[in-house]
Amino acid sequence: MLFEHQEGTSTETVNGLKFQVTHIFIQDKEKIQSTTFTNHNTINYIARKVSLKIYNQMLAKGFRCVLKVSISEPVSRNFAEKFNDRQKFIADKIAQYGSAAGASVGTFGGPVGSAVGGTAGYTLGDIYYDKAIRLHGGDVLLKIRVGVKGGIGPQESYRMVVIPRKDYDRPISTW
């Protein structure tokens, strides 16, 4: 489906969040370096940098690639709070089900095994929550999708980057 698009810019809305979407066809990294994804210099710099990194990792070697870069409007505080609440809910479920599974498997080791298994489940939930993306009002989401047909076969790669407001309010020269 990624290869069915035409080059150009459009907008799409996902879960109430509006994205500016740019589709380009590339065969060398110079086109990525010369493309303007947005008028905001810092966000454009980050989009180019991440796109180049993904393109280089794919080892496209001159095959035609499709690059889709989606840049959101800054998220509202309400959207960020709902998103963060959802992340906490998922972490709690991982902990709940992980501890139940760990405790039942741990019963083979007696009371100590059950306690260790139950604790492991809560630790999994904590690890997920510590690594989970957290949004703040004003953050911008950058979604990048690259696809290539050829070489070892069709492949696609995805990245999502959260650009905190404090980073895109700074001039690039201070990075």
N, C-alpha and C. Protein backbone atom coordinates (compact mmCIF):
# COMPACT_ATOMS: atom_id res chain seq x y z
N MET A 1 0.81 -1.19 0.00
CA MET A 1 0.00 0.00 0.00
C MET A 1 0.87 1.26 0.00
N LEU A 2 2.05 1.19 0.60
CA LEU A 2 2.95 2.33 0.63
C LEU A 2 3.36 2.74 -0.77
N PHE A 3 3.50 1.77 -1.69
CA PHE A 3 3.98 2.06 -3.03
C PHE A 3 2.89 2.59 -3.95
N GLU A 4 1.64 2.61 -3.52
CA GLU A 4 0.54 3.04 -4.36
C GLU A 4 0.32 4.55 -4.37
N HIS A 5 1.02 5.28 -3.51
CA HIS A 5 0.82 6.73 -3.42
C HIS A 5 1.60 7.48 -4.50
N GLN A 6 1.15 8.68 -4.77
CA GLN A 6 1.86 9.59 -5.66
C GLN A 6 2.75 10.49 -4.80
N GLU A 7 3.77 11.06 -5.42
CA GLU A 7 4.59 12.04 -4.70
C GLU A 7 3.74 13.26 -4.39
N GLY A 8 3.98 13.87 -3.26
CA GLY A 8 3.26 15.08 -2.91
C GLY A 8 3.01 15.17 -1.42
N THR A 9 2.24 16.20 -1.05
CA THR A 9 1.94 16.48 0.35
C THR A 9 0.44 16.45 0.55
N SER A 10 0.02 15.89 1.66
CA SER A 10 -1.41 15.85 2.00
C SER A 10 -1.53 15.94 3.52
N THR A 11 -2.76 15.87 4.00
CA THR A 11 -2.98 15.83 5.45
C THR A 11 -3.85 14.63 5.77
N GLU A 12 -3.66 14.09 6.96
CA GLU A 12 -4.51 13.01 7.43
C GLU A 12 -4.70 13.20 8.94
N THR A 13 -5.82 12.70 9.42
CA THR A 13 -6.13 12.81 10.84
C THR A 13 -6.19 11.41 11.43
N VAL A 14 -5.44 11.20 12.51
CA VAL A 14 -5.41 9.92 13.20
C VAL A 14 -5.72 10.17 14.67
N ASN A 15 -6.78 9.56 15.16
CA ASN A 15 -7.20 9.74 16.56
C ASN A 15 -7.33 11.21 16.96
N GLY A 16 -7.82 12.02 16.05
CA GLY A 16 -8.05 13.43 16.34
C GLY A 16 -6.80 14.29 16.21
N LEU A 17 -5.69 13.71 15.81
CA LEU A 17 -4.44 14.45 15.66
C LEU A 17 -4.15 14.62 14.17
N LYS A 18 -3.94 15.86 13.74
CA LYS A 18 -3.76 16.17 12.33
C LYS A 18 -2.27 16.08 11.97
N PHE A 19 -1.97 15.37 10.86
CA PHE A 19 -0.61 15.19 10.38
C PHE A 19 -0.46 15.79 9.00
N GLN A 20 0.68 16.42 8.75
CA GLN A 20 1.08 16.82 7.40
C GLN A 20 1.92 15.67 6.86
N VAL A 21 1.52 15.11 5.73
CA VAL A 21 2.16 13.91 5.20
C VAL A 21 2.85 14.23 3.88
N THR A 22 4.11 13.82 3.76
CA THR A 22 4.88 14.00 2.53
C THR A 22 5.29 12.63 2.02
N HIS A 23 4.98 12.35 0.75
CA HIS A 23 5.40 11.11 0.07
C HIS A 23 6.42 11.50 -0.99
N ILE A 24 7.59 10.84 -0.96
CA ILE A 24 8.56 11.06 -2.03
C ILE A 24 9.14 9.71 -2.45
N PHE A 25 9.58 9.65 -3.70
CA PHE A 25 10.28 8.48 -4.22
C PHE A 25 11.76 8.83 -4.27
N ILE A 26 12.59 7.95 -3.76
CA ILE A 26 14.01 8.25 -3.70
C ILE A 26 14.83 7.08 -4.22
N GLN A 27 15.98 7.42 -4.81
CA GLN A 27 16.96 6.41 -5.19
C GLN A 27 18.33 6.76 -4.65
N ASP A 28 18.46 7.95 -4.09
CA ASP A 28 19.71 8.33 -3.44
C ASP A 28 19.41 9.28 -2.29
N LYS A 29 20.34 9.36 -1.37
CA LYS A 29 20.07 10.13 -0.16
C LYS A 29 20.09 11.64 -0.38
N GLU A 30 20.60 12.09 -1.52
CA GLU A 30 20.62 13.52 -1.79
C GLU A 30 19.20 14.11 -1.85
N LYS A 31 18.25 13.31 -2.34
CA LYS A 31 16.87 13.80 -2.41
C LYS A 31 16.30 14.02 -1.02
N ILE A 32 16.65 13.15 -0.07
CA ILE A 32 16.18 13.33 1.31
C ILE A 32 16.76 14.63 1.87
N GLN A 33 18.04 14.86 1.61
CA GLN A 33 18.71 16.04 2.15
C GLN A 33 18.17 17.34 1.57
N SER A 34 17.58 17.28 0.39
CA SER A 34 17.09 18.50 -0.25
C SER A 34 15.58 18.70 -0.09
N THR A 35 14.89 17.74 0.50
CA THR A 35 13.43 17.84 0.63
C THR A 35 13.06 18.66 1.86
N THR A 36 12.06 19.51 1.69
CA THR A 36 11.52 20.28 2.80
C THR A 36 10.21 19.62 3.22
N PHE A 37 10.20 19.06 4.42
CA PHE A 37 9.02 18.37 4.92
C PHE A 37 8.05 19.32 5.62
N THR A 38 8.60 20.38 6.20
CA THR A 38 7.80 21.37 6.91
C THR A 38 8.55 22.70 6.89
N ASN A 39 7.84 23.77 7.18
CA ASN A 39 8.48 25.09 7.21
C ASN A 39 9.27 25.33 8.48
N HIS A 40 9.08 24.50 9.48
CA HIS A 40 9.80 24.67 10.75
C HIS A 40 11.19 24.06 10.61
N ASN A 41 12.22 24.89 10.66
CA ASN A 41 13.59 24.43 10.38
C ASN A 41 14.06 23.30 11.28
N THR A 42 13.81 23.39 12.58
CA THR A 42 14.31 22.36 13.50
C THR A 42 13.61 21.03 13.26
N ILE A 43 12.28 21.05 13.10
CA ILE A 43 11.55 19.82 12.84
C ILE A 43 11.97 19.23 11.49
N ASN A 44 12.17 20.08 10.50
CA ASN A 44 12.64 19.62 9.19
C ASN A 44 14.02 18.96 9.31
N TYR A 45 14.90 19.55 10.09
CA TYR A 45 16.24 19.00 10.32
C TYR A 45 16.14 17.60 10.94
N ILE A 46 15.30 17.45 11.96
CA ILE A 46 15.13 16.15 12.63
C ILE A 46 14.54 15.13 11.66
N ALA A 47 13.54 15.54 10.87
CA ALA A 47 12.92 14.63 9.90
C ALA A 47 13.94 14.14 8.88
N ARG A 48 14.78 15.02 8.39
CA ARG A 48 15.81 14.62 7.43
C ARG A 48 16.82 13.67 8.08
N LYS A 49 17.24 14.01 9.29
CA LYS A 49 18.25 13.20 9.99
C LYS A 49 17.74 11.78 10.23
N VAL A 50 16.52 11.64 10.73
CA VAL A 50 15.96 10.32 11.00
C VAL A 50 15.70 9.56 9.71
N SER A 51 15.19 10.26 8.68
CA SER A 51 14.94 9.62 7.38
C SER A 51 16.22 9.07 6.78
N LEU A 52 17.29 9.85 6.84
CA LEU A 52 18.58 9.39 6.31
C LEU A 52 19.09 8.17 7.07
N LYS A 53 18.92 8.18 8.37
CA LYS A 53 19.38 7.05 9.18
C LYS A 53 18.65 5.76 8.78
N ILE A 54 17.32 5.86 8.63
CA ILE A 54 16.55 4.68 8.23
C ILE A 54 16.94 4.23 6.82
N TYR A 55 17.05 5.18 5.91
CA TYR A 55 17.41 4.86 4.52
C TYR A 55 18.76 4.14 4.47
N ASN A 56 19.74 4.63 5.22
CA ASN A 56 21.06 4.01 5.25
C ASN A 56 21.01 2.61 5.86
N GLN A 57 20.18 2.41 6.87
CA GLN A 57 20.06 1.10 7.50
C GLN A 57 19.42 0.07 6.57
N MET A 58 18.57 0.52 5.65
CA MET A 58 17.88 -0.40 4.75
C MET A 58 18.78 -0.92 3.63
N LEU A 59 19.92 -0.27 3.42
CA LEU A 59 20.86 -0.68 2.36
C LEU A 59 20.15 -0.81 1.01
N ALA A 60 19.44 0.24 0.61
CA ALA A 60 18.63 0.20 -0.61
C ALA A 60 19.47 0.11 -1.87
N LYS A 61 20.69 0.61 -1.85
CA LYS A 61 21.65 0.49 -2.97
C LYS A 61 21.07 0.86 -4.33
N GLY A 62 20.46 2.00 -4.44
CA GLY A 62 19.98 2.48 -5.72
C GLY A 62 18.60 1.99 -6.14
N PHE A 63 17.98 1.10 -5.36
CA PHE A 63 16.62 0.69 -5.68
C PHE A 63 15.66 1.83 -5.33
N ARG A 64 14.56 1.88 -6.04
CA ARG A 64 13.56 2.92 -5.79
C ARG A 64 12.89 2.69 -4.45
N CYS A 65 12.90 3.71 -3.61
CA CYS A 65 12.29 3.64 -2.28
C CYS A 65 11.15 4.65 -2.20
N VAL A 66 10.23 4.35 -1.31
CA VAL A 66 9.15 5.28 -1.01
C VAL A 66 9.38 5.75 0.42
N LEU A 67 9.34 7.05 0.61
CA LEU A 67 9.51 7.64 1.93
C LEU A 67 8.25 8.40 2.28
N LYS A 68 7.66 8.06 3.42
CA LYS A 68 6.46 8.75 3.90
C LYS A 68 6.82 9.38 5.25
N VAL A 69 6.77 10.70 5.30
CA VAL A 69 7.08 11.43 6.52
C VAL A 69 5.81 12.15 6.97
N SER A 70 5.36 11.84 8.19
CA SER A 70 4.15 12.46 8.75
C SER A 70 4.55 13.27 9.97
N ILE A 71 4.17 14.54 9.98
CA ILE A 71 4.51 15.44 11.08
C ILE A 71 3.21 15.97 11.65
N SER A 72 3.02 15.75 12.95
CA SER A 72 1.77 16.17 13.58
C SER A 72 1.80 17.65 13.94
N GLU A 73 0.61 18.17 14.15
CA GLU A 73 0.51 19.47 14.79
C GLU A 73 0.90 19.25 16.25
N PRO A 74 1.32 20.30 16.97
CA PRO A 74 1.63 20.09 18.39
C PRO A 74 0.43 19.49 19.12
N VAL A 75 0.69 18.47 19.96
CA VAL A 75 -0.41 17.81 20.67
C VAL A 75 -0.93 18.71 21.78
N SER A 76 -2.21 18.59 22.02
CA SER A 76 -2.82 19.37 23.11
C SER A 76 -2.52 18.70 24.44
N ARG A 77 -2.67 19.44 25.51
CA ARG A 77 -2.45 18.88 26.84
C ARG A 77 -3.44 17.74 27.11
N ASN A 78 -4.68 17.92 26.67
CA ASN A 78 -5.71 16.90 26.85
C ASN A 78 -5.34 15.61 26.12
N PHE A 79 -4.89 15.72 24.87
CA PHE A 79 -4.47 14.55 24.10
C PHE A 79 -3.31 13.85 24.79
N ALA A 80 -2.33 14.62 25.26
CA ALA A 80 -1.16 14.04 25.94
C ALA A 80 -1.57 13.30 27.21
N GLU A 81 -2.48 13.87 27.98
CA GLU A 81 -2.92 13.22 29.22
C GLU A 81 -3.65 11.91 28.92
N LYS A 82 -4.51 11.91 27.91
CA LYS A 82 -5.22 10.67 27.53
C LYS A 82 -4.23 9.61 27.06
N PHE A 83 -3.26 10.00 26.28
CA PHE A 83 -2.24 9.08 25.78
C PHE A 83 -1.45 8.49 26.95
N ASN A 84 -1.02 9.33 27.88
CA ASN A 84 -0.24 8.87 29.03
C ASN A 84 -1.06 7.96 29.94
N ASP A 85 -2.35 8.27 30.10
CA ASP A 85 -3.23 7.41 30.90
C ASP A 85 -3.34 6.02 30.26
N ARG A 86 -3.38 6.00 28.93
CA ARG A 86 -3.46 4.72 28.22
C ARG A 86 -2.18 3.90 28.43
N GLN A 87 -1.04 4.57 28.40
CA GLN A 87 0.23 3.88 28.65
C GLN A 87 0.26 3.29 30.05
N LYS A 88 -0.24 4.03 31.04
CA LYS A 88 -0.27 3.53 32.42
C LYS A 88 -1.21 2.35 32.53
N PHE A 89 -2.36 2.41 31.84
CA PHE A 89 -3.32 1.30 31.84
C PHE A 89 -2.66 0.03 31.29
N ILE A 90 -1.94 0.17 30.18
CA ILE A 90 -1.26 -0.99 29.58
C ILE A 90 -0.21 -1.55 30.54
N ALA A 91 0.56 -0.68 31.18
CA ALA A 91 1.58 -1.14 32.14
C ALA A 91 0.93 -1.88 33.30
N ASP A 92 -0.21 -1.37 33.78
CA ASP A 92 -0.91 -2.04 34.88
C ASP A 92 -1.40 -3.42 34.47
N LYS A 93 -1.91 -3.54 33.24
CA LYS A 93 -2.38 -4.84 32.75
C LYS A 93 -1.22 -5.83 32.60
N ILE A 94 -0.09 -5.36 32.11
CA ILE A 94 1.08 -6.23 31.99
C ILE A 94 1.48 -6.73 33.38
N ALA A 95 1.50 -5.82 34.33
CA ALA A 95 1.86 -6.21 35.70
C ALA A 95 0.86 -7.19 36.27
N GLN A 96 -0.43 -6.92 36.07
CA GLN A 96 -1.49 -7.77 36.61
C GLN A 96 -1.43 -9.19 36.04
N TYR A 97 -1.39 -9.28 34.70
CA TYR A 97 -1.39 -10.60 34.08
C TYR A 97 -0.03 -11.29 34.23
N GLY A 98 1.03 -10.51 34.19
CA GLY A 98 2.35 -11.09 34.37
C GLY A 98 2.55 -11.65 35.76
N SER A 99 2.03 -10.95 36.78
CA SER A 99 2.20 -11.45 38.14
C SER A 99 1.33 -12.68 38.37
N ALA A 100 0.13 -12.70 37.77
CA ALA A 100 -0.74 -13.87 37.92
C ALA A 100 -0.09 -15.10 37.27
N ALA A 101 0.45 -14.90 36.07
CA ALA A 101 1.11 -16.02 35.38
C ALA A 101 2.36 -16.45 36.14
N GLY A 102 3.12 -15.46 36.59
CA GLY A 102 4.35 -15.77 37.32
C GLY A 102 4.08 -16.49 38.62
N ALA A 103 3.01 -16.08 39.31
CA ALA A 103 2.67 -16.72 40.59
C ALA A 103 2.22 -18.15 40.37
N SER A 104 1.44 -18.38 39.30
CA SER A 104 0.96 -19.75 39.07
C SER A 104 2.09 -20.66 38.63
N VAL A 105 3.00 -20.16 37.81
CA VAL A 105 4.16 -20.96 37.42
C VAL A 105 5.08 -21.14 38.62
N GLY A 106 5.18 -20.09 39.42
CA GLY A 106 6.04 -20.14 40.59
C GLY A 106 5.60 -21.11 41.66
N THR A 107 4.33 -21.57 41.62
CA THR A 107 3.84 -22.50 42.64
C THR A 107 4.60 -23.82 42.59
N PHE A 108 5.22 -24.10 41.43
CA PHE A 108 6.03 -25.32 41.36
C PHE A 108 7.26 -25.21 42.27
N GLY A 109 7.64 -23.97 42.58
CA GLY A 109 8.78 -23.76 43.46
C GLY A 109 8.35 -23.52 44.89
N GLY A 110 7.08 -23.76 45.20
CA GLY A 110 6.58 -23.55 46.55
C GLY A 110 6.26 -22.09 46.80
N PRO A 111 6.11 -21.69 48.08
CA PRO A 111 5.72 -20.32 48.39
C PRO A 111 6.74 -19.29 47.91
N VAL A 112 8.00 -19.64 47.97
CA VAL A 112 9.03 -18.70 47.52
C VAL A 112 8.93 -18.50 46.01
N GLY A 113 8.73 -19.58 45.26
CA GLY A 113 8.58 -19.49 43.81
C GLY A 113 7.38 -18.67 43.42
N SER A 114 6.30 -18.82 44.16
CA SER A 114 5.09 -18.05 43.88
C SER A 114 5.33 -16.56 44.11
N ALA A 115 6.02 -16.22 45.18
CA ALA A 115 6.30 -14.81 45.48
C ALA A 115 7.23 -14.21 44.43
N VAL A 116 8.24 -14.97 44.03
CA VAL A 116 9.18 -14.48 43.01
C VAL A 116 8.46 -14.31 41.67
N GLY A 117 7.62 -15.26 41.29
CA GLY A 117 6.87 -15.17 40.04
C GLY A 117 5.94 -13.98 40.03
N GLY A 118 5.25 -13.74 41.14
CA GLY A 118 4.34 -12.59 41.23
C GLY A 118 5.08 -11.27 41.14
N THR A 119 6.22 -11.21 41.78
CA THR A 119 7.04 -9.98 41.74
C THR A 119 7.56 -9.72 40.34
N ALA A 120 7.92 -10.78 39.63
CA ALA A 120 8.43 -10.62 38.26
C ALA A 120 7.40 -9.96 37.36
N GLY A 121 6.13 -10.29 37.54
CA GLY A 121 5.07 -9.68 36.73
C GLY A 121 4.98 -8.18 36.96
N TYR A 122 5.05 -7.75 38.21
CA TYR A 122 5.01 -6.32 38.49
C TYR A 122 6.25 -5.62 37.97
N THR A 123 7.38 -6.30 37.99
CA THR A 123 8.61 -5.73 37.44
C THR A 123 8.47 -5.51 35.93
N LEU A 124 7.84 -6.45 35.23
CA LEU A 124 7.61 -6.29 33.79
C LEU A 124 6.77 -5.04 33.52
N GLY A 125 5.72 -4.85 34.32
CA GLY A 125 4.88 -3.66 34.16
C GLY A 125 5.66 -2.38 34.37
N ASP A 126 6.54 -2.39 35.38
CA ASP A 126 7.37 -1.20 35.65
C ASP A 126 8.34 -0.94 34.51
N ILE A 127 8.93 -2.00 33.98
CA ILE A 127 9.87 -1.84 32.87
C ILE A 127 9.16 -1.25 31.67
N TYR A 128 7.96 -1.76 31.35
CA TYR A 128 7.20 -1.22 30.22
C TYR A 128 6.92 0.27 30.44
N TYR A 129 6.45 0.61 31.63
CA TYR A 129 6.07 2.00 31.89
C TYR A 129 7.29 2.93 31.85
N ASP A 130 8.42 2.44 32.33
CA ASP A 130 9.64 3.26 32.29
C ASP A 130 10.09 3.53 30.86
N LYS A 131 9.88 2.55 29.96
CA LYS A 131 10.31 2.68 28.57
C LYS A 131 9.23 3.29 27.67
N ALA A 132 8.00 3.39 28.15
CA ALA A 132 6.89 3.86 27.32
C ALA A 132 7.05 5.34 26.98
N ILE A 133 6.54 5.69 25.82
CA ILE A 133 6.56 7.09 25.39
C ILE A 133 5.59 7.88 26.26
N ARG A 134 6.02 9.04 26.69
CA ARG A 134 5.14 9.95 27.41
C ARG A 134 5.08 11.26 26.64
N LEU A 135 3.89 11.78 26.48
CA LEU A 135 3.71 13.02 25.74
C LEU A 135 3.41 14.17 26.70
N HIS A 136 3.75 15.36 26.26
CA HIS A 136 3.43 16.59 26.97
C HIS A 136 2.77 17.53 25.98
N GLY A 137 1.97 18.43 26.49
CA GLY A 137 1.33 19.40 25.62
C GLY A 137 2.37 20.17 24.82
N GLY A 138 2.16 20.29 23.52
CA GLY A 138 3.08 21.01 22.66
C GLY A 138 4.08 20.12 21.94
N ASP A 139 4.20 18.84 22.34
CA ASP A 139 5.11 17.92 21.64
C ASP A 139 4.62 17.67 20.22
N VAL A 140 5.54 17.36 19.33
CA VAL A 140 5.22 17.05 17.94
C VAL A 140 5.61 15.59 17.68
N LEU A 141 4.73 14.85 16.99
CA LEU A 141 5.03 13.47 16.63
C LEU A 141 5.53 13.43 15.20
N LEU A 142 6.60 12.68 15.00
CA LEU A 142 7.19 12.49 13.68
C LEU A 142 7.13 11.00 13.37
N LYS A 143 6.38 10.64 12.33
CA LYS A 143 6.28 9.24 11.91
C LYS A 143 6.95 9.11 10.55
N ILE A 144 7.85 8.14 10.45
CA ILE A 144 8.56 7.93 9.19
C ILE A 144 8.40 6.47 8.79
N ARG A 145 8.08 6.28 7.52
CA ARG A 145 7.91 4.94 6.96
C ARG A 145 8.65 4.89 5.63
N VAL A 146 9.54 3.92 5.49
CA VAL A 146 10.32 3.77 4.27
C VAL A 146 10.09 2.36 3.73
N GLY A 147 9.88 2.26 2.44
CA GLY A 147 9.70 0.96 1.81
C GLY A 147 10.56 0.86 0.57
N VAL A 148 11.07 -0.35 0.30
CA VAL A 148 11.88 -0.60 -0.89
C VAL A 148 11.51 -1.96 -1.44
N LYS A 149 11.45 -2.05 -2.78
CA LYS A 149 11.25 -3.34 -3.46
C LYS A 149 12.52 -3.61 -4.23
N GLY A 150 13.09 -4.76 -4.00
CA GLY A 150 14.32 -5.11 -4.69
C GLY A 150 15.36 -5.59 -3.72
N GLY A 151 16.50 -6.02 -4.27
CA GLY A 151 17.57 -6.52 -3.42
C GLY A 151 17.16 -7.85 -2.79
N ILE A 152 17.04 -7.87 -1.49
CA ILE A 152 16.65 -9.11 -0.79
C ILE A 152 15.14 -9.31 -0.78
N GLY A 153 14.42 -8.40 -1.41
CA GLY A 153 12.96 -8.49 -1.45
C GLY A 153 12.34 -7.24 -0.87
N PRO A 154 11.01 -7.17 -0.90
CA PRO A 154 10.36 -5.98 -0.36
C PRO A 154 10.57 -5.89 1.15
N GLN A 155 10.84 -4.68 1.61
CA GLN A 155 10.99 -4.46 3.05
C GLN A 155 10.48 -3.08 3.40
N GLU A 156 10.02 -2.93 4.63
CA GLU A 156 9.56 -1.64 5.14
C GLU A 156 10.15 -1.42 6.52
N SER A 157 10.35 -0.17 6.84
CA SER A 157 10.87 0.18 8.15
C SER A 157 10.08 1.39 8.66
N TYR A 158 9.84 1.41 9.96
CA TYR A 158 9.04 2.46 10.59
C TYR A 158 9.80 3.08 11.75
N ARG A 159 9.57 4.34 11.99
CA ARG A 159 10.07 5.01 13.19
C ARG A 159 9.03 6.02 13.63
N MET A 160 8.94 6.20 14.92
CA MET A 160 8.14 7.29 15.46
C MET A 160 9.00 8.00 16.48
N VAL A 161 9.09 9.30 16.34
CA VAL A 161 9.91 10.11 17.21
C VAL A 161 9.03 11.18 17.83
N VAL A 162 9.18 11.38 19.14
CA VAL A 162 8.50 12.47 19.81
C VAL A 162 9.49 13.62 19.90
N ILE A 163 9.10 14.76 19.35
CA ILE A 163 9.96 15.94 19.42
C ILE A 163 9.39 16.85 20.50
N PRO A 164 10.05 16.92 21.66
CA PRO A 164 9.55 17.77 22.74
C PRO A 164 9.57 19.24 22.34
N ARG A 165 8.62 19.98 22.86
CA ARG A 165 8.53 21.40 22.53
C ARG A 165 9.83 22.13 22.82
N LYS A 166 10.48 21.78 23.92
CA LYS A 166 11.73 22.47 24.27
C LYS A 166 12.81 22.26 23.20
N ASP A 167 12.75 21.14 22.47
CA ASP A 167 13.75 20.89 21.43
C ASP A 167 13.45 21.65 20.15
N TYR A 168 12.18 21.73 19.75
CA TYR A 168 11.93 22.40 18.49
C TYR A 168 11.78 23.91 18.65
N ASP A 169 11.76 24.39 19.88
CA ASP A 169 11.79 25.84 20.11
C ASP A 169 13.21 26.38 20.08
N ARG A 170 14.21 25.48 20.21
CA ARG A 170 15.62 25.88 20.19
C ARG A 170 16.12 25.98 18.76
N PRO A 171 16.98 26.94 18.48
CA PRO A 171 17.59 26.97 17.15
C PRO A 171 18.55 25.79 16.96
N ILE A 172 18.70 25.33 15.73
CA ILE A 172 19.54 24.18 15.43
C ILE A 172 20.98 24.41 15.86
N SER A 173 21.45 25.64 15.79
CA SER A 173 22.85 25.94 16.11
C SER A 173 23.19 25.60 17.56
N THR A 174 22.19 25.44 18.44
CA THR A 174 22.48 25.14 19.84
C THR A 174 22.49 23.64 20.13
N TRP A 175 22.34 22.80 19.11
CA TRP A 175 22.30 21.35 19.31
C TRP A 175 23.69 20.81 19.55
